[in-house]
PDB file of N, CA and C in Angstrom:
ATOM      1  N   MET A   1     -86.789-190.619-166.246  1.00  0.00           N
ATOM      2  CA  MET A   1     -86.474-191.704-167.157  1.00  0.00           C
ATOM      3  C   MET A   1     -87.024-191.377-168.542  1.00  0.00           C
ATOM      4  N   LYS A   2     -86.221-191.652-169.553  1.00  0.00           N
ATOM      5  CA  LYS A   2     -86.627-191.365-170.920  1.00  0.00           C
ATOM      6  C   LYS A   2     -87.552-192.457-171.439  1.00  0.00           C
ATOM      7  N   SER A   3     -88.532-192.023-172.206  1.00  0.00           N
ATOM      8  CA  SER A   3     -89.445-192.997-172.785  1.00  0.00           C
ATOM      9  C   SER A   3     -88.826-193.607-174.045  1.00  0.00           C
ATOM     10  N   PHE A   4     -89.374-194.707-174.444  1.00  0.00           N
ATOM     11  CA  PHE A   4     -88.905-195.384-175.652  1.00  0.00           C
ATOM     12  C   PHE A   4     -89.017-194.474-176.866  1.00  0.00           C
ATOM     13  N   TYR A   5     -90.116-193.733-176.971  1.00  0.00           N
ATOM     14  CA  TYR A   5     -90.336-192.866-178.126  1.00  0.00           C
ATOM     15  C   TYR A   5     -89.363-191.699-178.141  1.00  0.00           C
ATOM     16  N   HIS A   6     -88.987-191.190-176.978  1.00  0.00           N
ATOM     17  CA  HIS A   6     -87.997-190.120-176.896  1.00  0.00           C
ATOM     18  C   HIS A   6     -86.638-190.622-177.400  1.00  0.00           C
ATOM     19  N   VAL A   7     -86.263-191.802-176.990  1.00  0.00           N
ATOM     20  CA  VAL A   7     -84.994-192.396-177.435  1.00  0.00           C
ATOM     21  C   VAL A   7     -85.040-192.651-178.939  1.00  0.00           C
ATOM     22  N   LEU A   8     -86.153-193.158-179.439  1.00  0.00           N
ATOM     23  CA  LEU A   8     -86.299-193.429-180.865  1.00  0.00           C
ATOM     24  C   LEU A   8     -86.222-192.139-181.680  1.00  0.00           C
ATOM     25  N   ASP A   9     -86.870-191.081-181.221  1.00  0.00           N
ATOM     26  CA  ASP A   9     -86.796-189.787-181.913  1.00  0.00           C
ATOM     27  C   ASP A   9     -85.374-189.253-181.930  1.00  0.00           C
ATOM     28  N   ASN A  10     -84.663-189.352-180.808  1.00  0.00           N
ATOM     29  CA  ASN A  10     -83.274-188.906-180.757  1.00  0.00           C
ATOM     30  C   ASN A  10     -82.400-189.702-181.717  1.00  0.00           C
ATOM     31  N   LEU A  11     -82.619-190.994-181.775  1.00  0.00           N
ATOM     32  CA  LEU A  11     -81.838-191.854-182.651  1.00  0.00           C
ATOM     33  C   LEU A  11     -82.081-191.495-184.113  1.00  0.00           C
ATOM     34  N   GLN A  12     -83.330-191.217-184.465  1.00  0.00           N
ATOM     35  CA  GLN A  12     -83.649-190.856-185.841  1.00  0.00           C
ATOM     36  C   GLN A  12     -83.021-189.524-186.226  1.00  0.00           C
ATOM     37  N   LEU A  13     -82.998-188.570-185.330  1.00  0.00           N
ATOM     38  CA  LEU A  13     -82.492-187.236-185.649  1.00  0.00           C
ATOM     39  C   LEU A  13     -80.976-187.145-185.552  1.00  0.00           C
ATOM     40  N   ASN A  14     -80.378-187.794-184.573  1.00  0.00           N
ATOM     41  CA  ASN A  14     -78.948-187.644-184.326  1.00  0.00           C
ATOM     42  C   ASN A  14     -78.097-188.700-185.021  1.00  0.00           C
ATOM     43  N   ASP A  15     -78.613-189.887-185.170  1.00  0.00           N
ATOM     44  CA  ASP A  15     -77.861-190.995-185.774  1.00  0.00           C
ATOM     45  C   ASP A  15     -78.728-191.729-186.786  1.00  0.00           C
ATOM     46  N   PRO A  16     -79.064-191.082-187.903  1.00  0.00           N
ATOM     47  CA  PRO A  16     -79.995-191.743-188.829  1.00  0.00           C
ATOM     48  C   PRO A  16     -79.451-193.040-189.424  1.00  0.00           C
ATOM     49  N   MET A  17     -78.141-193.132-189.656  1.00  0.00           N
ATOM     50  CA  MET A  17     -77.603-194.358-190.236  1.00  0.00           C
ATOM     51  C   MET A  17     -77.568-195.479-189.202  1.00  0.00           C
ATOM     52  N   ARG A  18     -77.362-195.132-187.962  1.00  0.00           N
ATOM     53  CA  ARG A  18     -77.423-196.143-186.896  1.00  0.00           C
ATOM     54  C   ARG A  18     -78.850-196.666-186.774  1.00  0.00           C
ATOM     55  N   TRP A  19     -79.803-195.754-186.854  1.00  0.00           N
ATOM     56  CA  TRP A  19     -81.220-196.143-186.808  1.00  0.00           C
ATOM     57  C   TRP A  19     -81.532-197.074-187.972  1.00  0.00           C
ATOM     58  N   GLN A  20     -81.056-196.711-189.156  1.00  0.00           N
ATOM     59  CA  GLN A  20     -81.293-197.558-190.329  1.00  0.00           C
ATOM     60  C   GLN A  20     -80.665-198.933-190.134  1.00  0.00           C
ATOM     61  N   GLY A  21     -79.463-198.970-189.593  1.00  0.00           N
ATOM     62  CA  GLY A  21     -78.794-200.245-189.387  1.00  0.00           C
ATOM     63  C   GLY A  21     -79.542-201.172-188.450  1.00  0.00           C
ATOM     64  N   HIS A  22     -80.214-200.594-187.459  1.00  0.00           N
ATOM     65  CA  HIS A  22     -80.926-201.412-186.475  1.00  0.00           C
ATOM     66  C   HIS A  22     -82.322-201.828-186.926  1.00  0.00           C
ATOM     67  N   PHE A  23     -82.998-200.984-187.693  1.00  0.00           N
ATOM     68  CA  PHE A  23     -84.418-201.224-187.945  1.00  0.00           C
ATOM     69  C   PHE A  23     -84.784-201.554-189.388  1.00  0.00           C
ATOM     70  N   ILE A  24     -83.852-201.456-190.313  1.00  0.00           N
ATOM     71  CA  ILE A  24     -84.144-201.755-191.716  1.00  0.00           C
ATOM     72  C   ILE A  24     -83.536-203.114-192.062  1.00  0.00           C
ATOM     73  N   ASP A  25     -84.172-203.819-192.974  1.00  0.00           N
ATOM     74  CA  ASP A  25     -83.713-205.175-193.306  1.00  0.00           C
ATOM     75  C   ASP A  25     -82.319-205.150-193.933  1.00  0.00           C
ATOM     76  N   ILE A  26     -81.636-206.274-193.855  1.00  0.00           N
ATOM     77  CA  ILE A  26     -80.240-206.377-194.262  1.00  0.00           C
ATOM     78  C   ILE A  26     -80.073-206.171-195.771  1.00  0.00           C
ATOM     79  N   GLU A  27     -81.036-206.603-196.578  1.00  0.00           N
ATOM     80  CA  GLU A  27     -80.920-206.431-198.027  1.00  0.00           C
ATOM     81  C   GLU A  27     -80.884-204.950-198.400  1.00  0.00           C
ATOM     82  N   THR A  28     -81.713-204.152-197.756  1.00  0.00           N
ATOM     83  CA  THR A  28     -81.726-202.709-198.015  1.00  0.00           C
ATOM     84  C   THR A  28     -80.428-202.067-197.560  1.00  0.00           C
ATOM     85  N   ASN A  29     -79.912-202.496-196.418  1.00  0.00           N
ATOM     86  CA  ASN A  29     -78.649-201.951-195.936  1.00  0.00           C
ATOM     87  C   ASN A  29     -77.487-202.312-196.849  1.00  0.00           C
ATOM     88  N   VAL A  30     -77.465-203.532-197.365  1.00  0.00           N
ATOM     89  CA  VAL A  30     -76.410-203.947-198.287  1.00  0.00           C
ATOM     90  C   VAL A  30     -76.496-203.140-199.579  1.00  0.00           C
ATOM     91  N   GLU A  31     -77.708-202.935-200.081  1.00  0.00           N
ATOM     92  CA  GLU A  31     -77.880-202.123-201.282  1.00  0.00           C
ATOM     93  C   GLU A  31     -77.422-200.684-201.051  1.00  0.00           C
ATOM     94  N   CYS A  32     -77.736-200.147-199.890  1.00  0.00           N
ATOM     95  CA  CYS A  32     -77.306-198.792-199.538  1.00  0.00           C
ATOM     96  C   CYS A  32     -75.785-198.699-199.481  1.00  0.00           C
ATOM     97  N   LEU A  33     -75.146-199.670-198.857  1.00  0.00           N
ATOM     98  CA  LEU A  33     -73.687-199.687-198.780  1.00  0.00           C
ATOM     99  C   LEU A  33     -73.045-199.821-200.157  1.00  0.00           C
ATOM    100  N   ASN A  34     -73.637-200.652-201.013  1.00  0.00           N
ATOM    101  CA  ASN A  34     -73.122-200.796-202.375  1.00  0.00           C
ATOM    102  C   ASN A  34     -73.232-199.483-203.151  1.00  0.00           C
ATOM    103  N   ASN A  35     -74.365-198.798-202.992  1.00  0.00           N
ATOM    104  CA  ASN A  35     -74.537-197.517-203.670  1.00  0.00           C
ATOM    105  C   ASN A  35     -73.548-196.474-203.147  1.00  0.00           C
ATOM    106  N   MET A  36     -73.318-196.470-201.843  1.00  0.00           N
ATOM    107  CA  MET A  36     -72.342-195.543-201.274  1.00  0.00           C
ATOM    108  C   MET A  36     -70.942-195.837-201.806  1.00  0.00           C
ATOM    109  N   ARG A  37     -70.583-197.105-201.857  1.00  0.00           N
ATOM    110  CA  ARG A  37     -69.271-197.499-202.377  1.00  0.00           C
ATOM    111  C   ARG A  37     -69.137-197.100-203.838  1.00  0.00           C
ATOM    112  N   GLN A  38     -70.188-197.338-204.611  1.00  0.00           N
ATOM    113  CA  GLN A  38     -70.169-196.985-206.029  1.00  0.00           C
ATOM    114  C   GLN A  38     -69.984-195.474-206.205  1.00  0.00           C
ATOM    115  N   TRP A  39     -70.680-194.674-205.407  1.00  0.00           N
ATOM    116  CA  TRP A  39     -70.572-193.226-205.518  1.00  0.00           C
ATOM    117  C   TRP A  39     -69.192-192.731-205.077  1.00  0.00           C
ATOM    118  N   LEU A  40     -68.705-193.263-203.959  1.00  0.00           N
ATOM    119  CA  LEU A  40     -67.434-192.781-203.410  1.00  0.00           C
ATOM    120  C   LEU A  40     -66.227-193.166-204.262  1.00  0.00           C
ATOM    121  N   THR A  41     -66.316-194.250-205.001  1.00  0.00           N
ATOM    122  CA  THR A  41     -65.188-194.668-205.831  1.00  0.00           C
ATOM    123  C   THR A  41     -65.253-194.095-207.243  1.00  0.00           C
ATOM    124  N   ALA A  42     -66.339-193.428-207.588  1.00  0.00           N
ATOM    125  CA  ALA A  42     -66.506-192.881-208.936  1.00  0.00           C
ATOM    126  C   ALA A  42     -65.703-191.598-209.108  1.00  0.00           C
ATOM    127  N   GLU A  43     -65.201-191.410-210.307  1.00  0.00           N
ATOM    128  CA  GLU A  43     -64.543-190.155-210.678  1.00  0.00           C
ATOM    129  C   GLU A  43     -65.615-189.107-210.935  1.00  0.00           C
ATOM    130  N   TRP A  44     -65.201-187.846-211.071  1.00  0.00           N
ATOM    131  CA  TRP A  44     -66.175-186.759-211.215  1.00  0.00           C
ATOM    132  C   TRP A  44     -67.058-186.937-212.441  1.00  0.00           C
ATOM    133  N   TYR A  45     -66.497-187.424-213.542  1.00  0.00           N
ATOM    134  CA  TYR A  45     -67.285-187.591-214.762  1.00  0.00           C
ATOM    135  C   TYR A  45     -68.249-188.775-214.639  1.00  0.00           C
ATOM    136  N   GLU A  46     -67.864-189.785-213.839  1.00  0.00           N
ATOM    137  CA  GLU A  46     -68.770-190.908-213.590  1.00  0.00           C
ATOM    138  C   GLU A  46     -69.922-190.480-212.687  1.00  0.00           C
ATOM    139  N   LYS A  47     -69.639-189.560-211.764  1.00  0.00           N
ATOM    140  CA  LYS A  47     -70.692-189.060-210.872  1.00  0.00           C
ATOM    141  C   LYS A  47     -71.750-188.300-211.646  1.00  0.00           C
ATOM    142  N   VAL A  48     -71.344-187.617-212.706  1.00  0.00           N
ATOM    143  CA  VAL A  48     -72.317-186.924-213.555  1.00  0.00           C
ATOM    144  C   VAL A  48     -73.278-187.943-214.168  1.00  0.00           C
ATOM    145  N   LEU A  49     -72.754-189.087-214.577  1.00  0.00           N
ATOM    146  CA  LEU A  49     -73.595-190.136-215.147  1.00  0.00           C
ATOM    147  C   LEU A  49     -74.454-190.831-214.089  1.00  0.00           C
ATOM    148  N   LEU A  50     -73.957-190.880-212.849  1.00  0.00           N
ATOM    149  CA  LEU A  50     -74.694-191.551-211.768  1.00  0.00           C
ATOM    150  C   LEU A  50     -75.757-190.662-211.113  1.00  0.00           C
ATOM    151  N   GLU A  51     -75.781-189.370-211.457  1.00  0.00           N
ATOM    152  CA  GLU A  51     -76.726-188.455-210.800  1.00  0.00           C
ATOM    153  C   GLU A  51     -78.175-188.892-210.951  1.00  0.00           C
ATOM    154  N   ASP A  52     -78.533-189.484-212.094  1.00  0.00           N
ATOM    155  CA  ASP A  52     -79.911-189.948-212.288  1.00  0.00           C
ATOM    156  C   ASP A  52     -80.213-191.187-211.462  1.00  0.00           C
ATOM    157  N   GLU A  53     -79.209-192.046-211.303  1.00  0.00           N
ATOM    158  CA  GLU A  53     -79.392-193.294-210.556  1.00  0.00           C
ATOM    159  C   GLU A  53     -79.324-193.071-209.043  1.00  0.00           C
ATOM    160  N   LEU A  54     -78.471-192.144-208.595  1.00  0.00           N
ATOM    161  CA  LEU A  54     -78.271-191.878-207.168  1.00  0.00           C
ATOM    162  C   LEU A  54     -78.436-190.378-206.875  1.00  0.00           C
ATOM    163  N   PRO A  55     -79.652-189.852-207.034  1.00  0.00           N
ATOM    164  CA  PRO A  55     -79.839-188.400-206.864  1.00  0.00           C
ATOM    165  C   PRO A  55     -79.605-187.915-205.436  1.00  0.00           C
ATOM    166  N   GLU A  56     -79.788-188.794-204.452  1.00  0.00           N
ATOM    167  CA  GLU A  56     -79.592-188.369-203.065  1.00  0.00           C
ATOM    168  C   GLU A  56     -78.140-188.020-202.780  1.00  0.00           C
ATOM    169  N   PHE A  57     -77.212-188.723-203.394  1.00  0.00           N
ATOM    170  CA  PHE A  57     -75.795-188.424-203.200  1.00  0.00           C
ATOM    171  C   PHE A  57     -75.376-187.194-204.004  1.00  0.00           C
ATOM    172  N   ALA A  58     -75.925-187.050-205.201  1.00  0.00           N
ATOM    173  CA  ALA A  58     -75.627-185.867-206.006  1.00  0.00           C
ATOM    174  C   ALA A  58     -76.143-184.613-205.314  1.00  0.00           C
ATOM    175  N   PHE A  59     -77.276-184.723-204.649  1.00  0.00           N
ATOM    176  CA  PHE A  59     -77.867-183.588-203.941  1.00  0.00           C
ATOM    177  C   PHE A  59     -76.985-183.136-202.784  1.00  0.00           C
ATOM    178  N   MET A  60     -76.356-184.074-202.103  1.00  0.00           N
ATOM    179  CA  MET A  60     -75.519-183.739-200.944  1.00  0.00           C
ATOM    180  C   MET A  60     -74.275-182.949-201.327  1.00  0.00           C
ATOM    181  N   GLU A  61     -73.678-183.286-202.461  1.00  0.00           N
ATOM    182  CA  GLU A  61     -72.478-182.604-202.954  1.00  0.00           C
ATOM    183  C   GLU A  61     -71.326-182.599-201.959  1.00  0.00           C
ATOM    184  N   ASP A  62     -71.265-183.602-201.080  1.00  0.00           N
ATOM    185  CA  ASP A  62     -70.182-183.676-200.101  1.00  0.00           C
ATOM    186  C   ASP A  62     -69.847-185.143-199.833  1.00  0.00           C
ATOM    187  N   ASP A  63     -68.772-185.604-200.410  1.00  0.00           N
ATOM    188  CA  ASP A  63     -68.387-187.007-200.255  1.00  0.00           C
ATOM    189  C   ASP A  63     -67.972-187.338-198.828  1.00  0.00           C
ATOM    190  N   GLY A  64     -67.515-186.338-198.074  1.00  0.00           N
ATOM    191  CA  GLY A  64     -67.146-186.565-196.681  1.00  0.00           C
ATOM    192  C   GLY A  64     -68.336-186.982-195.841  1.00  0.00           C
ATOM    193  N   VAL A  65     -69.481-186.365-196.090  1.00  0.00           N
ATOM    194  CA  VAL A  65     -70.706-186.721-195.365  1.00  0.00           C
ATOM    195  C   VAL A  65     -71.141-188.134-195.735  1.00  0.00           C
ATOM    196  N   ILE A  66     -71.058-188.453-197.012  1.00  0.00           N
ATOM    197  CA  ILE A  66     -71.440-189.797-197.462  1.00  0.00           C
ATOM    198  C   ILE A  66     -70.507-190.843-196.859  1.00  0.00           C
ATOM    199  N   LEU A  67     -69.234-190.538-196.776  1.00  0.00           N
ATOM    200  CA  LEU A  67     -68.274-191.456-196.159  1.00  0.00           C
ATOM    201  C   LEU A  67     -68.586-191.643-194.669  1.00  0.00           C
ATOM    202  N   ASP A  68     -68.923-190.566-193.975  1.00  0.00           N
ATOM    203  CA  ASP A  68     -69.319-190.672-192.565  1.00  0.00           C
ATOM    204  C   ASP A  68     -70.579-191.515-192.410  1.00  0.00           C
ATOM    205  N   MET A  69     -71.535-191.330-193.308  1.00  0.00           N
ATOM    206  CA  MET A  69     -72.761-192.127-193.267  1.00  0.00           C
ATOM    207  C   MET A  69     -72.444-193.607-193.471  1.00  0.00           C
ATOM    208  N   GLN A  70     -71.555-193.887-194.391  1.00  0.00           N
ATOM    209  CA  GLN A  70     -71.160-195.275-194.644  1.00  0.00           C
ATOM    210  C   GLN A  70     -70.512-195.883-193.401  1.00  0.00           C
ATOM    211  N   HIS A  71     -69.637-195.146-192.758  1.00  0.00           N
ATOM    212  CA  HIS A  71     -68.979-195.650-191.544  1.00  0.00           C
ATOM    213  C   HIS A  71     -69.975-195.873-190.418  1.00  0.00           C
ATOM    214  N   GLU A  72     -70.928-194.955-190.257  1.00  0.00           N
ATOM    215  CA  GLU A  72     -71.947-195.118-189.210  1.00  0.00           C
ATOM    216  C   GLU A  72     -72.805-196.355-189.467  1.00  0.00           C
ATOM    217  N   LEU A  73     -73.184-196.558-190.713  1.00  0.00           N
ATOM    218  CA  LEU A  73     -73.999-197.730-191.042  1.00  0.00           C
ATOM    219  C   LEU A  73     -73.221-199.018-190.816  1.00  0.00           C
ATOM    220  N   LEU A  74     -71.969-199.057-191.233  1.00  0.00           N
ATOM    221  CA  LEU A  74     -71.141-200.248-191.000  1.00  0.00           C
ATOM    222  C   LEU A  74     -70.962-200.521-189.512  1.00  0.00           C
ATOM    223  N   ALA A  75     -70.769-199.470-188.729  1.00  0.00           N
ATOM    224  CA  ALA A  75     -70.621-199.641-187.276  1.00  0.00           C
ATOM    225  C   ALA A  75     -71.905-200.178-186.665  1.00  0.00           C
ATOM    226  N   ALA A  76     -73.042-199.717-187.137  1.00  0.00           N
ATOM    227  CA  ALA A  76     -74.320-200.201-186.608  1.00  0.00           C
ATOM    228  C   ALA A  76     -74.552-201.654-186.955  1.00  0.00           C
ATOM    229  N   LEU A  77     -74.085-202.061-188.117  1.00  0.00           N
ATOM    230  CA  LEU A  77     -74.302-203.452-188.541  1.00  0.00           C
ATOM    231  C   LEU A  77     -73.329-204.420-187.862  1.00  0.00           C
ATOM    232  N   ASN A  78     -72.231-203.904-187.352  1.00  0.00           N
ATOM    233  CA  ASN A  78     -71.287-204.781-186.651  1.00  0.00           C
ATOM    234  C   ASN A  78     -71.807-205.004-185.304  1.00  0.00           C
TER     235      ASN A  78
END
């Protein structure tokens, strides 16, 4: 039988957005979703301006990953 800590570690490593959806407060999750939406809808020149405000998304350089993260977080919150 798996221990609680083993399951928690797996959840953090394999499904970080699901973990965030379950254990982080709703205000932080809403802010995260808003930032993801803002980044994903921005044009390339707007993303250059947003790099200072949202450095984590600029660092990733892959909108597909950010979109997957957004979907995972939304699924966890439903």
